N, C-alpha and C. Protein backbone atom coordinates (compact mmCIF):
# COMPACT_ATOMS: atom_id res chain seq x y z
N UNK A 1 -35.46 -32.37 -41.67
CA UNK A 1 -34.54 -31.97 -40.14
C UNK A 1 -34.12 -30.85 -40.24
N UNK A 2 -33.93 -30.15 -38.73
CA UNK A 2 -33.69 -28.61 -39.05
C UNK A 2 -32.22 -28.64 -39.15
N UNK A 3 -31.54 -27.76 -39.31
CA UNK A 3 -30.11 -27.45 -39.35
C UNK A 3 -29.78 -26.64 -37.94
N UNK A 4 -28.68 -27.07 -37.64
CA UNK A 4 -28.08 -26.07 -36.74
C UNK A 4 -27.82 -24.58 -36.74
N UNK A 5 -28.01 -24.18 -38.10
CA UNK A 5 -28.25 -22.58 -37.84
C UNK A 5 -29.58 -22.24 -37.71
N UNK A 6 -30.52 -22.88 -37.62
CA UNK A 6 -31.72 -22.08 -36.84
C UNK A 6 -31.70 -22.24 -35.67
N UNK A 7 -30.74 -22.60 -34.74
CA UNK A 7 -31.12 -22.29 -33.46
C UNK A 7 -30.21 -21.46 -33.15
N UNK A 8 -29.63 -20.87 -33.74
CA UNK A 8 -28.64 -19.53 -33.33
C UNK A 8 -29.24 -18.52 -32.95
N UNK A 9 -29.07 -18.01 -31.86
CA UNK A 9 -29.83 -16.70 -31.50
C UNK A 9 -29.20 -15.75 -32.37
N UNK A 10 -30.24 -14.57 -33.04
CA UNK A 10 -30.06 -13.38 -33.71
C UNK A 10 -29.19 -12.70 -33.36
N UNK A 11 -28.35 -11.80 -33.91
CA UNK A 11 -27.38 -10.84 -33.56
C UNK A 11 -28.22 -9.94 -32.79
N UNK A 12 -29.09 -9.48 -33.04
CA UNK A 12 -29.60 -8.32 -32.52
C UNK A 12 -30.11 -8.84 -30.74
N UNK A 13 -30.29 -10.01 -30.65
CA UNK A 13 -30.32 -10.41 -29.06
C UNK A 13 -29.16 -11.21 -28.57
N UNK A 14 -28.42 -10.88 -29.37
CA UNK A 14 -26.76 -11.12 -28.51
C UNK A 14 -26.54 -9.81 -28.53
N UNK A 15 -26.52 -8.81 -29.05
CA UNK A 15 -26.14 -7.30 -29.16
C UNK A 15 -27.15 -7.28 -27.93
N UNK A 16 -27.97 -7.03 -27.72
CA UNK A 16 -29.05 -6.87 -26.14
C UNK A 16 -28.47 -7.17 -25.52
N UNK A 17 -28.26 -8.71 -24.97
CA UNK A 17 -27.37 -9.42 -23.99
C UNK A 17 -26.33 -8.82 -23.59
N UNK A 18 -25.00 -8.27 -25.23
CA UNK A 18 -24.08 -7.79 -24.65
C UNK A 18 -24.38 -6.44 -23.92
N UNK A 19 -25.10 -5.59 -24.61
CA UNK A 19 -25.01 -4.42 -23.92
C UNK A 19 -25.93 -3.79 -22.50
N UNK A 20 -26.90 -5.25 -22.48
CA UNK A 20 -27.51 -5.14 -20.76
C UNK A 20 -25.95 -5.63 -19.52
N UNK A 21 -25.60 -6.74 -20.26
CA UNK A 21 -24.38 -6.48 -19.33
C UNK A 21 -23.60 -6.02 -19.00
N UNK A 22 -22.83 -5.15 -20.02
CA UNK A 22 -22.38 -4.04 -19.98
C UNK A 22 -22.98 -3.19 -18.91
N UNK A 23 -24.24 -2.81 -19.27
CA UNK A 23 -24.68 -1.83 -18.14
C UNK A 23 -24.35 -2.26 -16.57
N UNK A 24 -25.10 -3.30 -16.63
CA UNK A 24 -25.20 -4.06 -14.93
C UNK A 24 -23.28 -3.77 -14.71
N UNK A 25 -22.45 -4.14 -15.19
CA UNK A 25 -21.02 -3.88 -15.00
C UNK A 25 -20.71 -2.31 -14.62
N UNK A 26 -21.09 -1.51 -15.45
CA UNK A 26 -20.82 -0.19 -14.89
C UNK A 26 -21.64 0.15 -14.16
N UNK A 27 -22.91 -0.13 -13.87
CA UNK A 27 -24.04 0.09 -12.02
C UNK A 27 -23.16 -0.47 -11.15
N UNK A 28 -22.19 -1.49 -11.28
CA UNK A 28 -21.59 -2.19 -10.01
C UNK A 28 -20.79 -1.27 -9.60
N UNK A 29 -20.00 -0.93 -10.80
CA UNK A 29 -18.74 -0.29 -10.49
C UNK A 29 -19.11 1.14 -10.11
N UNK A 30 -19.94 1.61 -10.19
CA UNK A 30 -20.55 3.02 -10.15
C UNK A 30 -20.79 2.90 -8.57
N UNK A 31 -21.69 1.88 -8.04
CA UNK A 31 -21.65 1.75 -6.44
C UNK A 31 -20.94 1.82 -5.49
N UNK A 32 -19.67 0.80 -6.13
CA UNK A 32 -18.76 0.87 -5.51
C UNK A 32 -17.77 2.04 -5.34
N UNK A 33 -17.48 2.53 -6.17
CA UNK A 33 -16.71 3.74 -6.31
C UNK A 33 -17.83 4.65 -4.44
N UNK A 34 -19.07 4.70 -5.31
CA UNK A 34 -19.24 6.00 -4.64
C UNK A 34 -19.03 5.29 -2.80
N UNK A 35 -19.36 3.69 -2.59
CA UNK A 35 -19.34 3.29 -1.45
C UNK A 35 -17.94 3.38 -0.70
N UNK A 36 -16.79 3.47 -1.48
CA UNK A 36 -15.31 3.80 -1.44
C UNK A 36 -15.34 5.27 -0.82
N UNK A 37 -15.83 6.52 -1.65
CA UNK A 37 -15.68 7.74 -1.37
C UNK A 37 -16.66 8.17 -0.09
N UNK A 38 -17.51 7.38 -0.11
CA UNK A 38 -18.32 7.57 0.94
C UNK A 38 -17.33 7.38 2.45
N UNK A 39 -16.69 6.08 2.68
CA UNK A 39 -15.91 5.57 3.91
C UNK A 39 -14.94 6.18 4.04
N UNK A 40 -14.03 6.69 2.99
CA UNK A 40 -12.82 8.04 2.81
C UNK A 40 -13.47 8.93 3.47
N UNK A 41 -14.70 9.82 3.01
CA UNK A 41 -14.96 10.68 3.41
C UNK A 41 -15.14 10.92 5.16
N UNK A 42 -15.77 9.54 5.88
CA UNK A 42 -15.83 9.69 6.91
C UNK A 42 -15.41 9.42 7.94
N UNK A 43 -13.87 9.20 7.10
CA UNK A 43 -12.79 9.08 8.09
C UNK A 43 -12.62 10.24 8.88
N UNK A 44 -12.61 10.41 10.16
CA UNK A 44 -11.96 11.81 10.69
C UNK A 44 -10.20 12.28 9.95
N UNK A 45 -10.58 13.60 10.31
CA UNK A 45 -9.16 14.45 9.59
C UNK A 45 -8.51 15.12 11.11
N UNK A 46 -7.37 14.90 11.02
CA UNK A 46 -6.19 15.46 12.23
C UNK A 46 -5.96 16.70 11.51
N UNK A 47 -6.05 17.39 12.74
CA UNK A 47 -6.07 18.71 12.55
C UNK A 47 -4.82 19.24 13.69
N UNK A 48 -3.92 19.79 12.58
CA UNK A 48 -2.58 20.01 13.66
C UNK A 48 -2.69 20.99 14.16
N UNK A 49 -3.91 22.19 14.22
CA UNK A 49 -4.08 23.12 14.88
C UNK A 49 -4.99 22.67 16.33
N UNK A 50 -5.16 21.59 16.45
CA UNK A 50 -6.19 21.29 17.64
C UNK A 50 -5.22 19.93 18.62
N UNK A 51 -3.73 20.11 18.04
CA UNK A 51 -2.81 19.09 18.49
C UNK A 51 -2.61 19.50 19.81
N UNK A 52 -2.71 18.19 20.89
CA UNK A 52 -2.15 18.51 22.34
C UNK A 52 -1.83 17.49 22.64
N UNK A 53 -1.16 17.83 23.74
CA UNK A 53 -0.42 15.73 24.76
C UNK A 53 -1.30 16.45 25.84
N UNK A 54 -1.48 14.94 26.13
CA UNK A 54 -2.55 14.64 27.38
C UNK A 54 -1.94 13.15 27.77
N UNK A 55 -2.19 13.44 29.14
CA UNK A 55 -2.14 12.18 29.95
C UNK A 55 -3.26 11.74 30.67
N UNK A 56 -3.23 9.94 30.92
CA UNK A 56 -4.57 9.40 31.51
C UNK A 56 -4.12 8.40 32.03
N UNK A 57 -5.54 7.67 32.20
CA UNK A 57 -5.52 6.23 32.69
C UNK A 57 -6.57 5.87 31.67
N UNK A 58 -5.86 4.52 30.89
CA UNK A 58 -7.13 3.74 30.20
C UNK A 58 -8.18 3.41 31.21
N UNK A 59 -9.28 3.74 30.28
CA UNK A 59 -10.87 3.15 31.01
C UNK A 59 -11.27 1.60 30.76
N UNK A 60 -10.88 2.06 29.34
CA UNK A 60 -11.61 0.73 28.30
C UNK A 60 -11.02 0.63 27.37
N UNK A 61 -10.42 -0.16 26.51
CA UNK A 61 -10.22 -0.47 25.34
C UNK A 61 -11.63 -1.15 24.30
N UNK A 62 -11.71 -0.07 23.34
CA UNK A 62 -13.01 -0.62 22.59
C UNK A 62 -12.63 -1.15 21.42
N UNK A 63 -12.48 -2.53 21.41
CA UNK A 63 -12.20 -2.87 19.74
C UNK A 63 -12.98 -3.22 18.83
N UNK A 64 -12.83 -3.44 17.51
CA UNK A 64 -13.89 -3.71 16.68
C UNK A 64 -14.40 -5.42 16.65
N UNK A 65 -15.72 -5.59 16.28
CA UNK A 65 -16.08 -7.01 16.70
C UNK A 65 -15.38 -7.68 15.08
N UNK A 66 -15.27 -9.08 15.32
CA UNK A 66 -14.44 -10.27 14.83
C UNK A 66 -15.56 -9.88 13.49
N UNK A 67 -14.44 -10.14 11.94
CA UNK A 67 -15.23 -9.58 10.75
C UNK A 67 -14.91 -7.92 10.39
N UNK A 68 -14.70 -7.14 11.73
CA UNK A 68 -14.99 -5.73 11.07
C UNK A 68 -13.45 -4.99 11.83
N UNK A 69 -12.35 -5.78 11.62
CA UNK A 69 -11.47 -5.48 11.82
C UNK A 69 -10.62 -4.01 11.29
N UNK A 70 -11.35 -3.46 10.08
CA UNK A 70 -10.86 -2.76 9.20
C UNK A 70 -11.67 -0.95 10.15
N UNK A 71 -12.56 -1.74 10.90
CA UNK A 71 -13.22 -0.15 11.85
C UNK A 71 -12.05 0.43 12.87
N UNK A 72 -12.53 1.03 13.50
CA UNK A 72 -11.26 2.06 14.55
C UNK A 72 -11.69 0.89 16.14
N UNK A 73 -10.61 0.89 16.37
CA UNK A 73 -10.30 1.02 18.30
C UNK A 73 -10.08 2.22 18.52
N UNK A 74 -10.63 2.03 19.76
CA UNK A 74 -11.23 3.25 20.46
C UNK A 74 -10.06 3.12 21.76
N UNK A 75 -9.95 4.27 22.84
CA UNK A 75 -9.70 4.42 24.20
C UNK A 75 -10.62 4.90 24.62
N UNK A 76 -10.97 4.61 25.78
CA UNK A 76 -11.57 5.55 27.10
C UNK A 76 -10.69 5.81 27.88
N UNK A 77 -10.00 7.15 28.12
CA UNK A 77 -9.03 7.29 28.80
C UNK A 77 -9.77 8.54 29.59
N UNK A 78 -9.52 8.46 31.48
CA UNK A 78 -9.45 9.42 32.45
C UNK A 78 -8.77 10.41 32.14
N UNK A 79 -8.72 11.40 32.54
CA UNK A 79 -8.02 12.93 32.50
C UNK A 79 -8.56 13.68 33.44
N UNK A 80 -8.23 13.25 34.88
CA UNK A 80 -8.70 14.16 35.65
C UNK A 80 -10.26 13.32 35.80
N UNK A 81 -11.37 14.28 36.05
CA UNK A 81 -12.76 13.92 35.82
C UNK A 81 -13.61 13.68 34.47
N UNK A 82 -12.75 13.94 33.50
CA UNK A 82 -13.01 14.00 32.41
C UNK A 82 -12.79 12.62 31.71
N UNK A 83 -13.76 11.61 30.72
CA UNK A 83 -13.49 10.56 29.69
C UNK A 83 -13.05 10.80 28.31
N UNK A 84 -12.14 11.05 27.86
CA UNK A 84 -12.04 11.11 26.60
C UNK A 84 -12.49 10.10 25.71
N UNK A 85 -12.53 9.95 24.53
CA UNK A 85 -13.13 8.97 23.42
C UNK A 85 -11.75 9.42 22.46
N UNK A 86 -10.67 8.11 22.31
CA UNK A 86 -9.63 8.50 21.78
C UNK A 86 -9.52 7.26 20.79
N UNK A 87 -9.40 7.83 19.53
CA UNK A 87 -9.61 7.55 17.96
C UNK A 87 -7.91 6.91 17.98
N UNK A 88 -7.76 5.61 18.07
CA UNK A 88 -6.42 5.18 17.56
C UNK A 88 -6.30 4.79 16.21
N UNK A 89 -6.49 3.56 15.67
CA UNK A 89 -6.51 3.25 14.55
C UNK A 89 -7.27 1.74 14.08
N UNK A 90 -7.51 1.27 12.76
CA UNK A 90 -8.39 0.20 12.96
C UNK A 90 -7.84 -0.73 13.85
N UNK A 91 -8.78 -1.62 14.20
CA UNK A 91 -8.25 -2.81 15.02
C UNK A 91 -7.18 -3.76 14.48
N UNK A 92 -7.28 -4.00 13.15
CA UNK A 92 -6.45 -5.11 12.40
C UNK A 92 -4.88 -4.48 12.52
N UNK A 93 -4.74 -3.47 12.40
CA UNK A 93 -3.40 -2.67 12.84
C UNK A 93 -2.96 -2.27 13.86
N UNK A 94 -4.05 -2.46 14.92
CA UNK A 94 -3.72 -2.25 16.29
C UNK A 94 -3.08 -3.78 16.80
N UNK A 95 -3.67 -4.86 16.59
CA UNK A 95 -2.77 -5.78 16.56
C UNK A 95 -1.58 -6.12 15.70
N UNK A 96 -1.60 -6.18 14.73
CA UNK A 96 -0.38 -5.93 13.92
C UNK A 96 0.93 -5.53 14.71
N UNK A 97 0.84 -4.13 15.51
CA UNK A 97 1.74 -3.68 16.33
C UNK A 97 1.83 -3.98 17.18
N UNK A 98 0.95 -5.29 18.10
CA UNK A 98 1.31 -6.05 19.34
C UNK A 98 1.19 -5.55 20.68
N UNK A 99 0.63 -4.26 20.34
CA UNK A 99 0.55 -3.18 21.83
C UNK A 99 -0.68 -3.77 22.51
N UNK A 100 -1.13 -3.17 23.68
CA UNK A 100 -2.34 -3.95 24.24
C UNK A 100 -2.51 -2.77 25.17
N UNK A 101 -3.63 -2.63 25.53
CA UNK A 101 -4.02 -1.54 26.58
C UNK A 101 -5.10 -2.21 27.51
N UNK A 102 -4.77 -1.92 28.86
CA UNK A 102 -5.77 -2.49 30.03
C UNK A 102 -6.15 -1.15 31.02
N UNK A 103 -7.23 -1.42 31.34
CA UNK A 103 -8.01 -0.31 32.26
C UNK A 103 -6.65 -0.46 33.18
N UNK A 104 -6.84 1.23 33.83
CA UNK A 104 -6.05 1.08 34.84
C UNK A 104 -3.89 1.46 34.07
N UNK A 105 -3.83 1.41 32.98
CA UNK A 105 -2.83 1.47 31.74
C UNK A 105 -2.38 3.03 32.02
N UNK A 106 -1.53 3.51 32.48
CA UNK A 106 -1.39 5.04 32.40
C UNK A 106 -0.29 5.32 31.26
N UNK A 107 -1.01 6.43 30.70
CA UNK A 107 -0.42 6.96 28.81
C UNK A 107 -0.55 7.86 28.84
N UNK A 108 0.51 8.24 27.91
CA UNK A 108 0.67 9.83 27.46
C UNK A 108 0.60 9.78 26.18
N UNK A 109 -0.21 11.10 25.63
CA UNK A 109 -0.65 10.55 24.50
C UNK A 109 -0.22 11.96 23.27
N UNK A 110 -0.11 12.28 22.02
CA UNK A 110 -0.01 13.55 21.34
C UNK A 110 -1.35 13.20 20.44
N UNK A 111 -2.17 14.06 20.46
CA UNK A 111 -3.53 13.77 19.19
C UNK A 111 -4.45 15.18 18.85
N UNK A 112 -5.10 15.06 18.02
CA UNK A 112 -6.15 16.32 17.64
C UNK A 112 -7.29 16.40 17.99
N UNK A 113 -7.67 17.30 18.71
CA UNK A 113 -9.09 17.23 19.22
C UNK A 113 -9.92 17.34 18.25
N UNK A 114 -11.16 17.27 17.80
CA UNK A 114 -11.78 17.27 16.95
C UNK A 114 -13.21 16.83 17.42
N UNK A 115 -14.30 17.22 16.55
CA UNK A 115 -15.92 16.89 16.67
C UNK A 115 -16.28 16.50 15.38
N UNK A 116 -16.62 15.21 15.42
CA UNK A 116 -17.15 14.49 14.03
C UNK A 116 -18.42 13.71 14.76
N UNK A 117 -19.54 13.88 13.87
CA UNK A 117 -20.91 13.88 13.91
C UNK A 117 -21.37 13.67 15.25
N UNK A 118 -20.99 15.07 15.43
CA UNK A 118 -21.24 15.91 17.14
C UNK A 118 -20.75 15.55 18.29
N UNK A 119 -19.93 14.28 18.28
CA UNK A 119 -18.87 13.98 19.45
C UNK A 119 -17.69 14.34 19.56
N UNK A 120 -17.07 14.60 20.62
CA UNK A 120 -15.70 15.16 20.87
C UNK A 120 -14.93 13.59 20.85
N UNK A 121 -13.55 13.53 19.98
CA UNK A 121 -12.58 13.14 19.77
C UNK A 121 -11.42 13.37 19.77
N UNK A 122 -10.51 12.64 20.28
CA UNK A 122 -8.91 12.87 20.19
C UNK A 122 -8.40 11.65 19.31
N UNK A 123 -7.76 12.37 18.20
CA UNK A 123 -7.47 11.76 17.32
C UNK A 123 -5.84 11.53 17.71
N UNK A 124 -5.61 10.14 18.05
CA UNK A 124 -4.02 9.88 18.79
C UNK A 124 -3.09 9.66 17.71
N UNK A 125 -1.93 10.71 17.51
CA UNK A 125 -0.77 10.39 16.79
C UNK A 125 0.27 9.19 16.96
N UNK A 126 0.36 9.61 18.51
CA UNK A 126 1.04 8.95 19.17
C UNK A 126 0.84 8.28 20.67
N UNK A 127 0.80 7.30 20.89
CA UNK A 127 0.58 6.71 22.44
C UNK A 127 1.72 6.20 23.14
N UNK A 128 2.15 6.55 24.02
CA UNK A 128 3.45 5.84 24.85
C UNK A 128 2.84 5.53 26.31
N UNK A 129 2.91 3.88 26.29
CA UNK A 129 2.70 3.35 27.31
C UNK A 129 4.05 2.43 28.13
N UNK A 130 4.45 3.20 29.14
CA UNK A 130 5.65 2.55 29.65
C UNK A 130 6.66 2.72 28.67
N UNK A 131 7.34 1.86 28.36
CA UNK A 131 8.56 2.00 27.23
C UNK A 131 7.78 1.77 25.95
N UNK A 132 7.07 1.86 25.83
CA UNK A 132 6.37 1.68 24.58
C UNK A 132 5.95 2.20 23.74
N UNK A 133 5.86 2.69 22.44
CA UNK A 133 5.57 3.53 22.02
C UNK A 133 4.66 3.38 20.74
N UNK A 134 3.36 3.72 20.27
CA UNK A 134 2.35 3.47 19.48
C UNK A 134 2.57 4.46 18.28
N UNK A 135 3.01 4.62 17.42
CA UNK A 135 3.01 5.66 16.44
C UNK A 135 2.09 5.11 15.37
N UNK A 136 1.33 6.28 15.04
CA UNK A 136 -0.33 5.94 14.55
C UNK A 136 -0.08 7.12 13.60
N UNK A 137 0.28 7.97 13.41
CA UNK A 137 0.16 9.42 12.34
C UNK A 137 1.68 9.98 12.25
N UNK A 138 2.07 10.30 10.82
CA UNK A 138 3.35 10.65 10.63
C UNK A 138 3.11 12.59 11.43
N UNK A 139 3.98 13.23 11.17
CA UNK A 139 4.40 14.56 11.92
C UNK A 139 3.17 15.44 10.79
N UNK A 140 2.06 15.16 9.83
CA UNK A 140 1.07 15.68 9.60
C UNK A 140 0.07 14.99 9.54
N UNK A 141 -0.14 14.74 10.63
CA UNK A 141 -1.19 14.16 10.87
C UNK A 141 -2.21 12.94 10.12
N UNK A 142 -1.20 12.33 8.67
CA UNK A 142 -1.60 11.49 8.20
C UNK A 142 -1.32 10.02 8.69
N UNK A 143 -2.61 8.97 8.31
CA UNK A 143 -2.39 7.90 8.85
C UNK A 143 -1.38 6.93 9.04
N UNK A 144 -0.33 6.24 9.41
CA UNK A 144 0.60 5.29 9.00
C UNK A 144 0.03 3.76 8.22
N UNK A 145 -0.98 3.22 8.68
CA UNK A 145 -1.48 2.48 8.45
C UNK A 145 -2.47 2.23 6.91
N UNK A 146 -2.44 1.53 6.38
CA UNK A 146 -3.27 1.19 4.92
C UNK A 146 -4.39 0.69 5.29
N UNK A 147 -5.17 1.72 4.85
CA UNK A 147 -6.81 1.75 4.69
C UNK A 147 -7.39 0.47 3.92
N UNK A 148 -6.52 0.00 2.55
CA UNK A 148 -7.10 -0.92 1.72
C UNK A 148 -6.77 -2.14 2.60
N UNK A 149 -6.35 -2.55 3.40
CA UNK A 149 -5.32 -3.64 3.80
C UNK A 149 -7.08 -4.71 4.22
């Protein structure tokens, strides 16, 4: 009859299993950190030097699809003959603020004119529609929402 001692894995096998598990965990943590850094790096940067006040008419509100509420909501705004892409905030934050925009709404905004990935954007700091004011960034241009939400 065999004893229970014969069925125990050797200490070399246990050590190897523990080392492989640690390597897998370290690899997962590294990939996750790189994704977080890439995501933060891809966020547009507000430039106080290009800040301007604009008025226009909402042409379209572009909300992120369901399940991607952390993605940015954009407004297409008619300003004379130009159509401007206005980067607002994550869709979830816009929803939480309880303000909506519809085609034809007259708005005034303060924002930074930037170029990202070859496209011209306005990063909105403040948007005023009628008596409602949506504050999206502080006076230094830092977002007032939490990216990790």
